[in-house]
Structure formats: C-alpha cells, structure tokens
C-alpha cells in the first residue's frame, strides 16, 4: 500500500462518525505506552497493546532509516497476521 500523501486521522473523527470497533490496538513503544492515544468509548471494546519501536526515532543514513522503518512495518504486519489467525 502506498502511503505517500496520506494523512493521519484523529480517532475522535471516527468516533464522531459513529464508527464502533471490537478491538483497539495501540502500537506505541514500551517507553511511550502511557502516552498512547485514548480511544473514546473504550469500555465496549477490547484494548490490546503491541509495543513496537518508534520508527520516527530511527537514526543513521537515509537508507538505514528506511530499512529500520520497513523492519518495524514488517513486524507489525506479522503481528496482525498472527492476530487474525488466532481469532
């Protein structure tokens, strides 16, 4: 999926639109978990926290940063596939 030019959306925008979910999965790093976004209406859904490194903290050359971001992306993809298989 090409993400260039895509914008992030506030969870509150989805809440105002009336969207409801069974699960909310946060992927903040372990260090940032307490600052992970709060999702309104969480009482009726299950919150899962899957800690991953923050890709914005990648350092090195542009190629090294890109490799790190891709590795994190692949870790998230793998965890999602596991979640789906277990559900």
Protein backbone atom coordinates (compact mmCIF):
# COMPACT_ATOMS: atom_id res chain seq x y z
CA UNK A 1 0.00 0.00 0.00
CA UNK A 2 1.40 3.36 -1.00
CA UNK A 3 1.25 5.81 1.90
CA UNK A 4 2.80 8.84 0.22
CA UNK A 5 0.48 11.83 0.51
CA UNK A 6 -1.77 10.10 3.05
CA UNK A 7 -2.79 11.97 6.18
CA UNK A 8 -3.33 10.71 9.69
CA UNK A 9 -6.80 10.91 11.17
CA UNK A 10 -7.89 11.56 14.71
CA UNK A 11 -9.65 8.71 16.49
CA UNK A 12 -12.17 11.31 17.61
CA UNK A 13 -13.11 11.89 13.97
CA UNK A 14 -14.07 8.22 13.66
CA UNK A 15 -15.91 8.31 16.97
CA UNK A 16 -17.96 11.34 15.86
CA UNK A 17 -18.81 9.48 12.64
CA UNK A 18 -20.34 6.76 14.79
CA UNK A 19 -17.78 4.09 13.96
CA UNK A 20 -17.53 1.37 16.56
CA UNK A 21 -14.92 -1.35 16.91
CA UNK A 22 -14.49 -4.62 18.79
CA UNK A 23 -10.77 -4.02 19.31
CA UNK A 24 -8.47 -1.04 19.60
CA UNK A 25 -4.82 -1.92 19.13
CA UNK A 26 -2.12 0.55 20.09
CA UNK A 27 1.43 0.11 18.82
CA UNK A 28 3.32 2.70 20.86
CA UNK A 29 6.77 1.77 22.11
CA UNK A 30 7.06 0.41 25.65
CA UNK A 31 8.53 3.75 26.72
CA UNK A 32 5.60 5.71 25.23
CA UNK A 33 2.77 3.37 26.25
CA UNK A 34 1.41 5.72 28.91
CA UNK A 35 1.17 8.44 26.23
CA UNK A 36 -0.61 6.23 23.67
CA UNK A 37 -3.78 7.79 22.30
CA UNK A 38 -7.00 7.31 24.20
CA UNK A 39 -9.90 5.98 22.17
CA UNK A 40 -13.35 7.23 23.18
CA UNK A 41 -15.88 4.59 24.11
CA UNK A 42 -13.19 2.07 25.01
CA UNK A 43 -15.45 0.47 27.64
CA UNK A 44 -17.31 -1.54 25.00
CA UNK A 45 -14.23 -2.74 23.15
CA UNK A 46 -11.10 -4.62 23.99
CA UNK A 47 -7.82 -2.67 24.05
CA UNK A 48 -4.67 -4.51 23.07
CA UNK A 49 -1.21 -3.01 23.29
CA UNK A 50 1.50 -4.29 20.99
CA UNK A 51 4.71 -2.38 21.71
CA UNK A 52 6.90 -1.65 18.71
CA UNK A 53 9.86 0.65 18.34
CA UNK A 54 9.01 4.19 17.24
CA UNK A 55 10.07 4.44 13.58
CA UNK A 56 10.48 8.20 13.91
CA UNK A 57 13.42 7.51 16.24
CA UNK A 58 15.40 5.58 13.60
CA UNK A 59 18.86 7.01 13.06
CA UNK A 60 21.62 6.65 10.53
CA UNK A 61 21.74 7.30 6.83
CA UNK A 62 18.52 7.64 4.85
CA UNK A 63 18.91 4.05 3.69
CA UNK A 64 19.45 2.82 7.27
CA UNK A 65 16.40 4.72 8.49
CA UNK A 66 14.29 3.33 5.67
CA UNK A 67 15.48 -0.21 6.45
CA UNK A 68 14.53 0.26 10.12
CA UNK A 69 11.08 1.64 9.26
CA UNK A 70 10.47 -1.27 6.89
CA UNK A 71 11.55 -3.77 9.55
CA UNK A 72 9.06 -2.27 12.03
CA UNK A 73 6.36 -2.29 9.36
CA UNK A 74 7.03 -5.98 8.73
CA UNK A 75 6.89 -6.76 12.46
CA UNK A 76 3.50 -5.06 12.69
CA UNK A 77 2.25 -6.92 9.61
CA UNK A 78 3.37 -10.24 11.11
CA UNK A 79 1.63 -9.48 14.43
CA UNK A 80 -1.60 -8.57 12.62
CA UNK A 81 -1.48 -11.81 10.66
CA UNK A 82 -0.98 -13.73 13.92
CA UNK A 83 -3.93 -11.92 15.49
CA UNK A 84 -6.19 -12.77 12.55
CA UNK A 85 -5.11 -16.41 12.55
CA UNK A 86 -5.82 -16.71 16.28
CA UNK A 87 -9.26 -15.05 16.05
